[in-house]
Amino acid sequence: MGAGRPTVLSAKVEAELANCIKVKARVQYPCNKVDVKDVMAEYVKAHILETPFKNGCPVTIHDWYYYFMNRHPTLSFKKPEHLQKPRYDARKPDVIYNFYDEISGVLSK
C-alpha cells in the first residue's frame, strides 16, 4: 500500500469483501454504494471485528467507499440497465414457483 493513513480493515478482509461483491454481481445482484457499505457492515458484525466505525459502518460512507474502490480497481460502479420486460417478469416469484411445480410434475410422471 502507499503512504497515508492505514486502512481500517486488513488487506485480506478487503479482498474477501471485494470477492463477495463480485460474486453478487455475477448472480445478477450488483451492489450500489449503500449495498457495499451493508456488505462491509455485515462482515464486520459477523466476524466481530474491532473498527472505529459506529455500529460497524463508516459514518461518512462516501470517503470509505471512494478509497475502497480505488484500492480494488477490479470493481467498478455501473449504472444498472433496465431489464427487458420478459426478463423482469421471469424473475417474479410466482413465475419461478410455477416453473418448479411444472418441472416436478413432469419428473414425477
N, C-alpha and C. Protein backbone atom coordinates (compact mmCIF):
# COMPACT_ATOMS: atom_id res chain seq x y z
N MET A 1 0.84 -1.18 0.00
CA MET A 1 0.00 0.00 0.00
C MET A 1 0.89 1.25 0.00
N GLY A 2 0.31 2.34 -0.38
CA GLY A 2 1.05 3.58 -0.43
C GLY A 2 1.08 4.29 0.90
N ALA A 3 1.60 5.50 0.88
CA ALA A 3 1.67 6.30 2.09
C ALA A 3 0.28 6.78 2.46
N GLY A 4 0.16 7.23 3.68
CA GLY A 4 -1.13 7.74 4.14
C GLY A 4 -1.66 6.94 5.30
N ARG A 5 -2.85 7.25 5.67
CA ARG A 5 -3.49 6.59 6.80
C ARG A 5 -3.69 5.11 6.51
N PRO A 6 -3.44 4.25 7.51
CA PRO A 6 -3.67 2.81 7.28
C PRO A 6 -5.16 2.53 7.14
N THR A 7 -5.48 1.47 6.43
CA THR A 7 -6.89 1.12 6.24
C THR A 7 -7.45 0.55 7.53
N VAL A 8 -8.74 0.70 7.72
CA VAL A 8 -9.41 0.20 8.91
C VAL A 8 -9.44 -1.33 8.89
N LEU A 9 -9.75 -1.89 7.74
CA LEU A 9 -9.82 -3.34 7.57
C LEU A 9 -8.53 -3.83 6.93
N SER A 10 -8.12 -5.03 7.25
CA SER A 10 -6.89 -5.57 6.67
C SER A 10 -7.06 -5.81 5.17
N ALA A 11 -5.95 -5.96 4.49
CA ALA A 11 -5.99 -6.22 3.04
C ALA A 11 -6.73 -7.52 2.76
N LYS A 12 -6.55 -8.52 3.62
CA LYS A 12 -7.22 -9.81 3.44
C LYS A 12 -8.73 -9.65 3.56
N VAL A 13 -9.18 -8.89 4.56
CA VAL A 13 -10.62 -8.67 4.76
C VAL A 13 -11.19 -7.90 3.58
N GLU A 14 -10.49 -6.87 3.14
CA GLU A 14 -10.98 -6.10 1.99
C GLU A 14 -11.03 -6.96 0.74
N ALA A 15 -10.07 -7.85 0.56
CA ALA A 15 -10.09 -8.75 -0.60
C ALA A 15 -11.30 -9.67 -0.54
N GLU A 16 -11.64 -10.16 0.65
CA GLU A 16 -12.83 -11.01 0.81
C GLU A 16 -14.10 -10.22 0.50
N LEU A 17 -14.16 -8.98 0.96
CA LEU A 17 -15.32 -8.14 0.66
C LEU A 17 -15.44 -7.90 -0.85
N ALA A 18 -14.32 -7.59 -1.49
CA ALA A 18 -14.33 -7.36 -2.94
C ALA A 18 -14.80 -8.62 -3.67
N ASN A 19 -14.35 -9.77 -3.23
CA ASN A 19 -14.77 -11.03 -3.84
C ASN A 19 -16.28 -11.24 -3.65
N CYS A 20 -16.78 -10.96 -2.47
CA CYS A 20 -18.21 -11.10 -2.19
C CYS A 20 -19.03 -10.19 -3.12
N ILE A 21 -18.56 -8.98 -3.32
CA ILE A 21 -19.25 -8.03 -4.20
C ILE A 21 -19.24 -8.54 -5.64
N LYS A 22 -18.12 -9.12 -6.08
CA LYS A 22 -18.04 -9.68 -7.43
C LYS A 22 -19.00 -10.85 -7.60
N VAL A 23 -19.08 -11.71 -6.58
CA VAL A 23 -19.98 -12.87 -6.65
C VAL A 23 -21.42 -12.40 -6.74
N LYS A 24 -21.79 -11.40 -5.95
CA LYS A 24 -23.16 -10.88 -6.01
C LYS A 24 -23.47 -10.35 -7.40
N ALA A 25 -22.51 -9.68 -8.02
CA ALA A 25 -22.72 -9.14 -9.36
C ALA A 25 -22.89 -10.26 -10.38
N ARG A 26 -22.11 -11.35 -10.22
CA ARG A 26 -22.21 -12.47 -11.15
C ARG A 26 -23.56 -13.15 -11.11
N VAL A 27 -24.22 -13.14 -9.95
CA VAL A 27 -25.53 -13.78 -9.85
C VAL A 27 -26.66 -12.74 -9.97
N GLN A 28 -26.35 -11.66 -10.67
CA GLN A 28 -27.33 -10.63 -11.03
C GLN A 28 -27.82 -9.81 -9.85
N TYR A 29 -26.99 -9.62 -8.83
CA TYR A 29 -27.31 -8.72 -7.72
C TYR A 29 -26.17 -7.73 -7.55
N PRO A 30 -26.01 -6.82 -8.52
CA PRO A 30 -24.92 -5.86 -8.41
C PRO A 30 -25.13 -4.93 -7.21
N CYS A 31 -24.04 -4.46 -6.65
CA CYS A 31 -24.09 -3.62 -5.45
C CYS A 31 -23.92 -2.15 -5.81
N ASN A 32 -24.75 -1.31 -5.19
CA ASN A 32 -24.52 0.12 -5.27
C ASN A 32 -23.72 0.53 -4.03
N LYS A 33 -23.52 1.82 -3.85
CA LYS A 33 -22.70 2.30 -2.74
C LYS A 33 -23.25 1.83 -1.39
N VAL A 34 -24.54 1.92 -1.19
CA VAL A 34 -25.16 1.51 0.08
C VAL A 34 -25.03 0.00 0.28
N ASP A 35 -25.20 -0.77 -0.79
CA ASP A 35 -25.05 -2.23 -0.69
C ASP A 35 -23.63 -2.62 -0.29
N VAL A 36 -22.64 -1.93 -0.84
CA VAL A 36 -21.25 -2.21 -0.49
C VAL A 36 -21.04 -1.94 1.00
N LYS A 37 -21.59 -0.82 1.48
CA LYS A 37 -21.49 -0.49 2.90
C LYS A 37 -22.17 -1.56 3.75
N ASP A 38 -23.34 -2.03 3.31
CA ASP A 38 -24.07 -3.05 4.06
C ASP A 38 -23.31 -4.37 4.10
N VAL A 39 -22.70 -4.76 2.98
CA VAL A 39 -21.90 -5.99 2.94
C VAL A 39 -20.75 -5.87 3.92
N MET A 40 -20.09 -4.71 3.92
CA MET A 40 -18.98 -4.49 4.85
C MET A 40 -19.46 -4.55 6.29
N ALA A 41 -20.58 -3.91 6.60
CA ALA A 41 -21.10 -3.90 7.97
C ALA A 41 -21.48 -5.30 8.43
N GLU A 42 -22.11 -6.08 7.55
CA GLU A 42 -22.46 -7.46 7.89
C GLU A 42 -21.21 -8.28 8.18
N TYR A 43 -20.18 -8.10 7.36
CA TYR A 43 -18.94 -8.84 7.55
C TYR A 43 -18.30 -8.48 8.90
N VAL A 44 -18.24 -7.19 9.19
CA VAL A 44 -17.64 -6.72 10.45
C VAL A 44 -18.39 -7.31 11.64
N LYS A 45 -19.72 -7.28 11.58
CA LYS A 45 -20.52 -7.81 12.69
C LYS A 45 -20.40 -9.33 12.79
N ALA A 46 -20.42 -10.03 11.67
CA ALA A 46 -20.36 -11.49 11.68
C ALA A 46 -19.02 -12.00 12.20
N HIS A 47 -17.95 -11.27 11.92
CA HIS A 47 -16.61 -11.70 12.33
C HIS A 47 -16.14 -10.99 13.60
N ILE A 48 -17.03 -10.19 14.19
CA ILE A 48 -16.75 -9.46 15.43
C ILE A 48 -15.39 -8.74 15.35
N LEU A 49 -15.27 -7.90 14.33
CA LEU A 49 -14.04 -7.15 14.12
C LEU A 49 -14.11 -5.81 14.85
N GLU A 50 -12.98 -5.38 15.38
CA GLU A 50 -12.87 -4.08 16.03
C GLU A 50 -12.64 -3.02 14.94
N THR A 51 -13.53 -2.04 14.89
CA THR A 51 -13.36 -0.93 13.94
C THR A 51 -13.75 0.36 14.64
N PRO A 52 -13.27 1.48 14.13
CA PRO A 52 -13.71 2.76 14.69
C PRO A 52 -15.09 3.18 14.18
N PHE A 53 -15.69 2.35 13.33
CA PHE A 53 -16.98 2.68 12.75
C PHE A 53 -18.09 2.58 13.79
N LYS A 54 -19.06 3.46 13.68
CA LYS A 54 -20.22 3.43 14.56
C LYS A 54 -21.16 2.33 14.06
N ASN A 55 -21.50 1.39 14.90
CA ASN A 55 -22.36 0.25 14.54
C ASN A 55 -21.81 -0.55 13.37
N GLY A 56 -20.50 -0.58 13.22
CA GLY A 56 -19.87 -1.36 12.16
C GLY A 56 -19.88 -0.70 10.80
N CYS A 57 -20.41 0.53 10.72
CA CYS A 57 -20.49 1.23 9.43
C CYS A 57 -19.75 2.55 9.50
N PRO A 58 -19.08 2.92 8.42
CA PRO A 58 -18.44 4.24 8.42
C PRO A 58 -19.49 5.34 8.44
N VAL A 59 -19.22 6.39 9.21
CA VAL A 59 -20.18 7.49 9.30
C VAL A 59 -20.25 8.22 7.97
N THR A 60 -19.09 8.49 7.38
CA THR A 60 -19.06 9.13 6.06
C THR A 60 -18.76 8.06 5.02
N ILE A 61 -19.80 7.47 4.52
CA ILE A 61 -19.64 6.35 3.59
C ILE A 61 -18.93 6.77 2.31
N HIS A 62 -19.14 8.00 1.88
CA HIS A 62 -18.57 8.43 0.61
C HIS A 62 -17.05 8.26 0.61
N ASP A 63 -16.39 8.74 1.66
CA ASP A 63 -14.93 8.66 1.71
C ASP A 63 -14.47 7.21 1.75
N TRP A 64 -15.06 6.40 2.63
CA TRP A 64 -14.65 5.00 2.73
C TRP A 64 -14.86 4.28 1.40
N TYR A 65 -16.02 4.49 0.78
CA TYR A 65 -16.36 3.84 -0.49
C TYR A 65 -15.36 4.26 -1.58
N TYR A 66 -15.09 5.54 -1.65
CA TYR A 66 -14.17 6.05 -2.67
C TYR A 66 -12.80 5.39 -2.54
N TYR A 67 -12.25 5.35 -1.34
CA TYR A 67 -10.93 4.76 -1.15
C TYR A 67 -10.95 3.24 -1.32
N PHE A 68 -12.02 2.61 -0.88
CA PHE A 68 -12.16 1.16 -1.07
C PHE A 68 -12.16 0.83 -2.56
N MET A 69 -12.93 1.57 -3.35
CA MET A 69 -12.99 1.32 -4.79
C MET A 69 -11.64 1.60 -5.45
N ASN A 70 -10.92 2.61 -4.98
CA ASN A 70 -9.58 2.88 -5.53
C ASN A 70 -8.60 1.77 -5.21
N ARG A 71 -8.75 1.16 -4.04
CA ARG A 71 -7.85 0.06 -3.66
C ARG A 71 -8.19 -1.23 -4.40
N HIS A 72 -9.38 -1.31 -4.98
CA HIS A 72 -9.83 -2.51 -5.68
C HIS A 72 -10.29 -2.15 -7.09
N PRO A 73 -9.34 -1.90 -7.98
CA PRO A 73 -9.68 -1.44 -9.33
C PRO A 73 -10.44 -2.47 -10.17
N THR A 74 -10.47 -3.73 -9.73
CA THR A 74 -11.24 -4.72 -10.49
C THR A 74 -12.73 -4.55 -10.27
N LEU A 75 -13.10 -3.78 -9.24
CA LEU A 75 -14.51 -3.46 -9.03
C LEU A 75 -14.82 -2.19 -9.79
N SER A 76 -16.01 -2.10 -10.31
CA SER A 76 -16.41 -0.86 -10.98
C SER A 76 -17.88 -0.62 -10.71
N PHE A 77 -18.24 0.64 -10.69
CA PHE A 77 -19.63 1.00 -10.48
C PHE A 77 -20.25 1.24 -11.84
N LYS A 78 -21.30 0.52 -12.13
CA LYS A 78 -22.01 0.70 -13.39
C LYS A 78 -23.46 1.00 -13.09
N LYS A 79 -24.01 1.85 -13.90
CA LYS A 79 -25.42 2.17 -13.75
C LYS A 79 -26.23 0.93 -14.16
N PRO A 80 -27.17 0.50 -13.32
CA PRO A 80 -27.94 -0.69 -13.69
C PRO A 80 -28.74 -0.48 -14.97
N GLU A 81 -28.76 -1.50 -15.79
CA GLU A 81 -29.55 -1.44 -17.01
C GLU A 81 -30.95 -1.94 -16.71
N HIS A 82 -31.91 -1.35 -17.38
CA HIS A 82 -33.28 -1.81 -17.19
C HIS A 82 -33.43 -3.17 -17.85
N LEU A 83 -34.01 -4.09 -17.12
CA LEU A 83 -34.27 -5.41 -17.69
C LEU A 83 -35.39 -5.32 -18.71
N GLN A 84 -35.28 -6.11 -19.73
CA GLN A 84 -36.38 -6.18 -20.67
C GLN A 84 -37.57 -6.78 -19.94
N LYS A 85 -38.78 -6.43 -20.33
CA LYS A 85 -39.98 -6.88 -19.62
C LYS A 85 -40.05 -8.39 -19.47
N PRO A 86 -39.79 -9.20 -20.50
CA PRO A 86 -39.86 -10.66 -20.30
C PRO A 86 -38.86 -11.16 -19.25
N ARG A 87 -37.66 -10.58 -19.24
CA ARG A 87 -36.68 -10.99 -18.22
C ARG A 87 -37.14 -10.56 -16.84
N TYR A 88 -37.72 -9.39 -16.75
CA TYR A 88 -38.22 -8.90 -15.46
C TYR A 88 -39.36 -9.79 -14.97
N ASP A 89 -40.29 -10.10 -15.86
CA ASP A 89 -41.43 -10.94 -15.48
C ASP A 89 -40.99 -12.34 -15.07
N ALA A 90 -39.94 -12.85 -15.70
CA ALA A 90 -39.47 -14.20 -15.38
C ALA A 90 -38.88 -14.29 -13.99
N ARG A 91 -38.54 -13.16 -13.40
CA ARG A 91 -37.95 -13.15 -12.06
C ARG A 91 -39.01 -13.04 -10.97
N LYS A 92 -40.26 -12.93 -11.32
CA LYS A 92 -41.32 -12.83 -10.31
C LYS A 92 -41.45 -14.17 -9.59
N PRO A 93 -41.62 -14.14 -8.28
CA PRO A 93 -41.69 -15.39 -7.50
C PRO A 93 -42.76 -16.37 -7.98
N ASP A 94 -43.95 -15.89 -8.34
CA ASP A 94 -45.00 -16.82 -8.76
C ASP A 94 -44.63 -17.54 -10.05
N VAL A 95 -43.92 -16.86 -10.95
CA VAL A 95 -43.48 -17.48 -12.19
C VAL A 95 -42.45 -18.57 -11.88
N ILE A 96 -41.54 -18.27 -10.99
CA ILE A 96 -40.49 -19.24 -10.62
C ILE A 96 -41.11 -20.45 -9.93
N TYR A 97 -42.03 -20.21 -8.97
CA TYR A 97 -42.67 -21.33 -8.27
C TYR A 97 -43.47 -22.20 -9.25
N ASN A 98 -44.18 -21.57 -10.18
CA ASN A 98 -44.94 -22.34 -11.18
C ASN A 98 -44.01 -23.18 -12.04
N PHE A 99 -42.87 -22.62 -12.41
CA PHE A 99 -41.89 -23.35 -13.20
C PHE A 99 -41.46 -24.62 -12.48
N TYR A 100 -41.10 -24.49 -11.21
CA TYR A 100 -40.64 -25.66 -10.45
C TYR A 100 -41.78 -26.65 -10.19
N ASP A 101 -43.00 -26.16 -10.02
CA ASP A 101 -44.14 -27.07 -9.87
C ASP A 101 -44.31 -27.91 -11.14
N GLU A 102 -44.21 -27.25 -12.29
CA GLU A 102 -44.36 -27.98 -13.55
C GLU A 102 -43.21 -28.97 -13.77
N ILE A 103 -42.01 -28.56 -13.44
CA ILE A 103 -40.86 -29.46 -13.58
C ILE A 103 -41.03 -30.68 -12.69
N SER A 104 -41.44 -30.47 -11.44
CA SER A 104 -41.61 -31.63 -10.54
C SER A 104 -42.74 -32.52 -11.02
N GLY A 105 -43.79 -31.94 -11.63
CA GLY A 105 -44.87 -32.74 -12.20
C GLY A 105 -44.38 -33.60 -13.36
N VAL A 106 -43.56 -33.02 -14.21
CA VAL A 106 -43.02 -33.75 -15.36
C VAL A 106 -42.08 -34.86 -14.88
N LEU A 107 -41.25 -34.57 -13.91
CA LEU A 107 -40.29 -35.56 -13.41
C LEU A 107 -40.96 -36.70 -12.66
N SER A 108 -42.10 -36.44 -12.04
CA SER A 108 -42.77 -37.50 -11.28
C SER A 108 -43.57 -38.43 -12.18
N LYS A 109 -43.78 -38.07 -13.44
CA LYS A 109 -44.55 -38.92 -14.37
C LYS A 109 -43.71 -40.02 -14.92
